Amino acid sequence: MIFDRDQLERGLSALAGQGIYIGTSSWKYPGWRGQLYDPARYVYRGRLSEARFERQCLSEYAEVFKTVSVDASYYKFPSERILSELASQVPSDFQFAFKVTDDITMKRFPNLPRFGRRAGQPNPHFLNADLFNSAFLKPCEAIRPHVGLLMFEFTRFHTDDFERGREFVEVLESFLERLPGDWRYGVEIRNASFLQPEYFEALAKHRIVHIYNSWDAMPSVAEQLAQPGSRTTPDLVAARLLLRPGRKYNEAVKMFSPYERVQDEYPEGRAGAAQLIRDAQAKKARALIFVNNRFEGSALGSIAGIVQSCSR
């Protein structure tokens, strides 16, 4: 065992009792078998069934964690059936955070095979509030009590997308104005230069949380925290610890797969997470913090370290 599963469960449960939810980005990782997951639970006819593992492991995940980031919803609009299946595997106090589908958040589709004929083309549905309401929010109604946060992740924009950050803020704000106000939303950006007062002010105006993110070309979480106005909602804090700044995603995948253990500890990143947690505790705010395997090599070990530091 690389971490103490029972000790982690107790620590996460205690934090959740204070409104501090810490989870991982997705959950279906074979490298976690033997640590978080008991392989014997997924044996069928004498062999480990990958299909059974994929279908059922969320329920075992939820024995330890109280929240998870659903990354799959970024690639395809979620159906009510799929969402209901997820909710059926978790207890009543479990909170999902969903990444909003890229059909809403991409201004131009990248030149990647999965986009087919759309690759390289402008996205006609960029920040289309009607499409978001009908194709994303409507299915989420079926599991509303489990929806802790809906996250708009924007990939890095180029100058031919938006020459200045204020141009993005204008488009973003016109979109936010059309969203139903009874859901909690978060915005994550990948352009460091966009972290300006007008961006934070627009989010605060609409009660949208700025998602502190640890990413390749972004300032560290601690540096983002230090920026005036970055706490855009007094009652909610959100963060995604994805990469050590300066490290490319593909490099991290190659280094860390299959994500069995922490391989490159990032103390400054953990300290930033701990600072967010202490800040939320002091203000009695709710917090949703998600850790990716690419952050240090294994989200399980990273979270165990963060939780341990918070208990000192």
Protein backbone atom coordinates (compact mmCIF):
# COMPACT_ATOMS: atom_id res chain seq x y z
CA MET A 1 0.00 0.00 0.00
CA ILE A 2 1.37 3.41 -0.99
CA PHE A 3 -1.09 5.18 1.33
CA ASP A 4 -3.37 4.14 4.19
CA ARG A 5 -6.83 3.79 2.64
CA ASP A 6 -8.69 3.84 5.96
CA GLN A 7 -6.73 6.82 7.23
CA LEU A 8 -7.44 8.70 3.99
CA GLU A 9 -11.16 7.92 4.27
CA ARG A 10 -11.26 9.28 7.83
CA GLY A 11 -9.39 12.43 6.86
CA LEU A 12 -11.58 13.12 3.82
CA SER A 13 -14.75 12.45 5.80
CA ALA A 14 -13.68 14.88 8.52
CA LEU A 15 -12.95 17.58 5.95
CA ALA A 16 -16.26 16.94 4.15
CA GLY A 17 -17.98 17.52 7.48
CA GLN A 18 -16.56 21.05 7.29
CA GLY A 19 -17.67 21.48 3.67
CA ILE A 20 -14.20 20.73 2.24
CA TYR A 21 -14.50 18.19 -0.57
CA ILE A 22 -11.31 16.76 -2.11
CA GLY A 23 -11.42 14.29 -4.97
CA THR A 24 -9.74 13.16 -8.16
CA SER A 25 -10.10 13.91 -11.85
CA SER A 26 -11.99 10.84 -13.04
CA TRP A 27 -11.68 7.50 -11.26
CA LYS A 28 -11.29 4.53 -13.66
CA TYR A 29 -7.55 3.94 -13.35
CA PRO A 30 -6.20 0.35 -13.41
CA GLY A 31 -3.07 1.62 -11.64
CA TRP A 32 -5.19 2.22 -8.54
CA ARG A 33 -6.14 -1.44 -8.23
CA GLY A 34 -4.61 -2.93 -5.12
CA GLN A 35 -4.60 0.52 -3.49
CA LEU A 36 -8.02 2.14 -3.71
CA TYR A 37 -9.69 -0.76 -5.47
CA ASP A 38 -9.90 -4.42 -4.47
CA PRO A 39 -9.42 -6.41 -7.72
CA ALA A 40 -11.43 -9.32 -6.29
CA ARG A 41 -14.60 -7.24 -6.54
CA TYR A 42 -14.32 -7.20 -10.33
CA VAL A 43 -13.61 -10.85 -11.02
CA TYR A 44 -16.02 -12.62 -13.34
CA ARG A 45 -15.69 -16.30 -14.19
CA GLY A 46 -12.29 -16.46 -12.60
CA ARG A 47 -10.81 -13.44 -14.39
CA LEU A 48 -10.72 -9.72 -13.70
CA SER A 49 -13.35 -8.11 -15.91
CA GLU A 50 -12.28 -4.73 -17.23
CA ALA A 51 -15.87 -4.01 -18.23
CA ARG A 52 -17.11 -4.75 -14.72
CA PHE A 53 -14.36 -2.56 -13.26
CA GLU A 54 -15.21 0.35 -15.56
CA ARG A 55 -18.90 0.01 -14.80
CA GLN A 56 -18.82 -0.51 -11.04
CA CYS A 57 -15.66 0.98 -9.51
CA LEU A 58 -17.28 4.35 -8.77
CA SER A 59 -19.16 2.75 -5.86
CA GLU A 60 -15.86 1.61 -4.31
CA TYR A 61 -14.31 5.03 -4.99
CA ALA A 62 -17.21 6.63 -3.10
CA GLU A 63 -16.40 4.53 -0.02
CA VAL A 64 -13.35 6.77 0.44
CA PHE A 65 -14.03 10.00 -1.47
CA LYS A 66 -16.96 12.39 -1.23
CA THR A 67 -16.51 14.05 -4.63
CA VAL A 68 -15.10 13.50 -8.11
CA SER A 69 -14.58 15.52 -11.26
CA VAL A 70 -16.40 13.91 -14.18
CA ASP A 71 -14.09 14.61 -17.10
CA ALA A 72 -16.01 12.44 -19.58
CA SER A 73 -18.74 15.09 -19.84
CA TYR A 74 -16.18 17.36 -21.52
CA TYR A 75 -16.10 15.12 -24.59
CA LYS A 76 -19.80 14.37 -24.98
CA PHE A 77 -23.02 15.85 -23.68
CA PRO A 78 -24.18 13.70 -20.76
CA SER A 79 -27.43 11.78 -21.00
CA GLU A 80 -29.93 11.51 -18.18
CA ARG A 81 -29.45 7.72 -18.21
CA ILE A 82 -25.68 7.93 -17.75
CA LEU A 83 -26.00 10.54 -15.01
CA SER A 84 -28.58 8.49 -13.16
CA GLU A 85 -26.31 5.45 -13.35
CA LEU A 86 -23.48 7.46 -11.78
CA ALA A 87 -25.71 8.80 -9.02
CA SER A 88 -26.99 5.30 -8.23
CA GLN A 89 -23.45 4.25 -7.20
CA VAL A 90 -22.79 6.97 -4.63
CA PRO A 91 -24.24 7.95 -1.22
CA SER A 92 -26.62 10.87 -0.84
CA ASP A 93 -23.93 13.31 0.32
CA PHE A 94 -21.61 12.69 -2.64
CA GLN A 95 -20.91 15.69 -4.91
CA PHE A 96 -20.08 15.53 -8.61
CA ALA A 97 -18.30 18.30 -10.50
CA PHE A 98 -18.90 18.13 -14.24
CA LYS A 99 -16.69 19.57 -16.94
CA VAL A 100 -19.00 21.27 -19.42
CA THR A 101 -18.81 19.79 -22.91
CA ASP A 102 -16.26 21.35 -25.25
CA ASP A 103 -18.99 22.07 -27.82
CA ILE A 104 -19.75 25.01 -25.52
CA THR A 105 -16.25 26.10 -24.48
CA MET A 106 -14.07 25.78 -27.60
CA LYS A 107 -13.91 28.78 -29.90
CA ARG A 108 -12.16 26.79 -32.61
CA PHE A 109 -11.85 23.02 -32.78
CA PRO A 110 -8.24 21.77 -32.57
CA ASN A 111 -6.69 19.76 -35.37
CA LEU A 112 -7.25 16.45 -33.64
CA PRO A 113 -8.71 13.25 -35.15
CA ARG A 114 -11.63 13.12 -32.70
CA PHE A 115 -13.10 16.29 -34.20
CA GLY A 116 -13.30 14.83 -37.71
CA ARG A 117 -14.47 17.38 -40.27
CA ARG A 118 -14.76 20.03 -37.56
CA ALA A 119 -10.99 19.99 -36.89
CA GLY A 120 -9.51 23.45 -37.35
CA GLN A 121 -12.93 25.03 -37.91
CA PRO A 122 -14.64 27.77 -35.86
CA ASN A 123 -17.18 26.44 -33.39
CA PRO A 124 -20.64 27.86 -34.20
CA HIS A 125 -21.87 26.88 -30.71
CA PHE A 126 -19.16 28.63 -28.70
CA LEU A 127 -20.80 29.90 -25.50
CA ASN A 128 -24.28 29.06 -26.80
CA ALA A 129 -26.46 29.43 -23.70
CA ASP A 130 -29.51 27.79 -25.30
CA LEU A 131 -27.51 24.69 -26.22
CA PHE A 132 -25.94 24.54 -22.76
CA ASN A 133 -29.34 24.78 -21.09
CA SER A 134 -30.95 22.11 -23.25
CA ALA A 135 -28.09 19.64 -23.80
CA PHE A 136 -26.24 19.92 -20.49
CA LEU A 137 -28.35 21.41 -17.73
CA LYS A 138 -31.56 19.57 -18.60
CA PRO A 139 -30.05 16.06 -18.12
CA CYS A 140 -28.39 17.22 -14.89
CA GLU A 141 -31.82 17.97 -13.41
CA ALA A 142 -32.23 14.22 -12.83
CA ILE A 143 -29.43 14.24 -10.26
CA ARG A 144 -29.48 17.87 -9.11
CA PRO A 145 -28.78 17.12 -5.39
CA HIS A 146 -25.49 15.47 -6.42
CA VAL A 147 -24.28 18.32 -8.65
CA GLY A 148 -21.76 20.37 -6.69
CA LEU A 149 -20.24 22.39 -9.54
CA LEU A 150 -20.45 22.83 -13.31
CA MET A 151 -17.03 23.78 -14.67
CA PHE A 152 -16.37 25.75 -17.85
CA GLU A 153 -12.81 24.87 -18.83
CA PHE A 154 -11.40 27.12 -21.55
CA THR A 155 -8.31 25.94 -23.37
CA ARG A 156 -5.65 28.51 -24.13
CA PHE A 157 -6.89 31.15 -26.57
CA HIS A 158 -4.68 32.61 -29.29
CA THR A 159 -4.60 36.22 -30.42
CA ASP A 160 -6.79 35.44 -33.42
CA ASP A 161 -9.41 34.17 -30.94
CA PHE A 162 -9.23 37.13 -28.57
CA GLU A 163 -6.62 39.84 -28.95
CA ARG A 164 -7.11 40.95 -25.34
CA GLY A 165 -8.53 39.42 -22.21
CA ARG A 166 -11.26 42.04 -21.95
CA GLU A 167 -12.68 40.82 -25.29
CA PHE A 168 -13.05 37.35 -23.82
CA VAL A 169 -14.63 38.79 -20.67
CA GLU A 170 -17.25 40.65 -22.72
CA VAL A 171 -18.28 37.47 -24.55
CA LEU A 172 -18.15 35.41 -21.37
CA GLU A 173 -20.29 37.84 -19.41
CA SER A 174 -23.00 37.95 -22.07
CA PHE A 175 -23.11 34.15 -21.79
CA LEU A 176 -23.19 34.12 -17.98
CA GLU A 177 -26.10 36.56 -17.98
CA ARG A 178 -28.23 33.94 -19.72
CA LEU A 179 -27.56 31.07 -17.31
CA PRO A 180 -30.09 29.95 -14.70
CA GLY A 181 -28.91 31.30 -11.36
CA ASP A 182 -29.79 28.28 -9.22
CA TRP A 183 -26.74 26.17 -10.19
CA ARG A 184 -23.13 26.65 -9.10
CA TYR A 185 -20.70 27.39 -11.91
CA GLY A 186 -16.94 27.74 -12.13
CA VAL A 187 -14.63 29.12 -14.83
CA GLU A 188 -11.13 27.85 -15.52
CA ILE A 189 -8.90 29.67 -17.97
CA ARG A 190 -5.48 28.82 -19.43
CA ASN A 191 -4.34 32.34 -20.44
CA ALA A 192 -2.30 33.83 -17.62
CA SER A 193 -2.67 37.32 -19.09
CA PHE A 194 -6.47 37.09 -18.72
CA LEU A 195 -6.18 37.05 -14.91
CA GLN A 196 -7.10 40.73 -14.74
CA PRO A 197 -9.48 42.69 -12.48
CA GLU A 198 -12.23 42.81 -15.11
CA TYR A 199 -12.20 39.00 -15.35
CA PHE A 200 -12.53 38.50 -11.59
CA GLU A 201 -15.13 41.27 -11.36
CA ALA A 202 -17.29 39.65 -14.06
CA LEU A 203 -17.26 36.33 -12.23
CA ALA A 204 -18.02 37.94 -8.88
CA LYS A 205 -20.93 39.87 -10.39
CA HIS A 206 -22.57 36.61 -11.48
CA ARG A 207 -21.58 34.55 -8.42
CA ILE A 208 -19.24 32.36 -10.49
CA VAL A 209 -16.21 30.82 -8.81
CA HIS A 210 -12.77 31.29 -10.35
CA ILE A 211 -11.20 27.82 -10.48
CA TYR A 212 -7.61 28.03 -9.29
CA ASN A 213 -5.70 25.73 -11.62
CA SER A 214 -2.21 24.31 -11.61
CA TRP A 215 -1.35 24.07 -15.30
CA ASP A 216 1.55 24.26 -17.76
CA ALA A 217 1.65 28.00 -18.57
CA MET A 218 -0.39 29.34 -15.64
CA PRO A 219 0.85 30.98 -12.43
CA SER A 220 0.89 28.64 -9.45
CA VAL A 221 -2.20 28.31 -7.28
CA ALA A 222 -0.50 30.38 -4.56
CA GLU A 223 0.29 33.13 -7.09
CA GLN A 224 -3.31 33.14 -8.32
CA LEU A 225 -4.53 33.32 -4.73
CA ALA A 226 -2.38 36.39 -4.17
CA GLN A 227 -4.05 38.28 -7.01
CA PRO A 228 -6.57 40.87 -5.77
CA GLY A 229 -10.15 39.80 -6.39
CA SER A 230 -9.38 36.17 -7.22
CA ARG A 231 -11.79 34.99 -4.52
CA THR A 232 -14.85 35.69 -6.63
CA THR A 233 -17.41 33.94 -4.39
CA PRO A 234 -17.38 34.25 -0.59
CA ASP A 235 -19.11 30.91 0.02
CA LEU A 236 -17.28 28.65 -2.46
CA VAL A 237 -13.66 27.86 -3.35
CA ALA A 238 -12.65 25.60 -6.26
CA ALA A 239 -9.36 24.31 -7.62
CA ARG A 240 -7.98 21.77 -10.07
CA LEU A 241 -4.42 20.57 -9.54
CA LEU A 242 -3.61 19.26 -13.00
CA LEU A 243 0.07 19.77 -13.82
CA ARG A 244 3.18 21.24 -12.29
CA PRO A 245 3.60 24.64 -14.03
CA GLY A 246 6.12 24.38 -16.83
CA ARG A 247 5.42 20.70 -17.55
CA LYS A 248 3.57 19.65 -20.69
CA TYR A 249 0.58 17.32 -20.44
CA ASN A 250 2.00 14.70 -22.82
CA GLU A 251 5.28 14.72 -20.91
CA ALA A 252 3.43 14.04 -17.65
CA VAL A 253 1.45 11.18 -19.21
CA LYS A 254 4.66 9.56 -20.42
CA MET A 255 6.41 10.06 -17.09
CA PHE A 256 3.67 8.93 -14.74
CA SER A 257 1.49 6.26 -16.40
CA PRO A 258 -0.07 4.03 -15.06
CA TYR A 259 -0.34 6.40 -12.07
CA GLU A 260 0.47 3.92 -9.33
CA ARG A 261 2.54 6.24 -7.12
CA VAL A 262 3.75 9.78 -6.63
CA GLN A 263 6.93 10.14 -8.67
CA ASP A 264 7.71 13.86 -8.56
CA GLU A 265 6.38 15.54 -5.44
CA TYR A 266 5.48 19.20 -5.91
CA PRO A 267 5.57 20.76 -2.42
CA GLU A 268 4.60 24.24 -3.59
CA GLY A 269 1.51 22.83 -5.27
CA ARG A 270 0.46 20.93 -2.16
CA ALA A 271 1.05 24.06 -0.08
CA GLY A 272 -1.23 26.01 -2.41
CA ALA A 273 -3.98 23.43 -1.92
CA ALA A 274 -3.52 23.54 1.85
CA GLN A 275 -3.73 27.34 1.74
CA LEU A 276 -7.03 27.12 -0.14
CA ILE A 277 -8.37 24.68 2.44
CA ARG A 278 -7.34 26.83 5.40
CA ASP A 279 -8.84 29.88 3.71
CA ALA A 280 -12.16 28.07 3.16
CA GLN A 281 -12.17 26.80 6.75
CA ALA A 282 -11.52 30.28 8.14
CA LYS A 283 -14.38 31.75 6.10
CA LYS A 284 -16.65 28.72 6.62
CA ALA A 285 -16.90 28.39 2.85
CA ARG A 286 -17.45 25.21 0.88
CA ALA A 287 -14.47 23.98 -1.15
CA LEU A 288 -14.18 21.60 -4.08
CA ILE A 289 -10.59 20.60 -4.89
CA PHE A 290 -9.67 18.07 -7.56
CA VAL A 291 -6.29 16.46 -8.15
CA ASN A 292 -5.13 14.87 -11.39
CA ASN A 293 -2.69 11.96 -11.70
CA ARG A 294 -0.51 14.17 -13.90
CA PHE A 295 0.07 16.56 -10.99
CA GLU A 296 2.66 14.35 -9.24
CA GLY A 297 2.18 10.84 -10.61
CA SER A 298 -0.78 9.58 -8.58
CA ALA A 299 -3.71 11.64 -7.37
CA LEU A 300 -4.21 9.19 -4.50
CA GLY A 301 -0.78 9.86 -3.04
CA SER A 302 -1.05 13.59 -3.68
CA ILE A 303 -4.38 13.82 -1.86
CA ALA A 304 -3.14 11.68 1.02
CA GLY A 305 -0.24 14.11 1.44
CA ILE A 306 -2.50 17.18 1.29
CA VAL A 307 -4.94 15.73 3.80
CA GLN A 308 -2.14 14.77 6.14
CA SER A 309 -0.70 18.29 6.03
CA CYS A 310 -4.14 19.73 6.88
CA SER A 311 -4.44 17.53 9.98
CA ARG A 312 -1.20 18.79 11.54
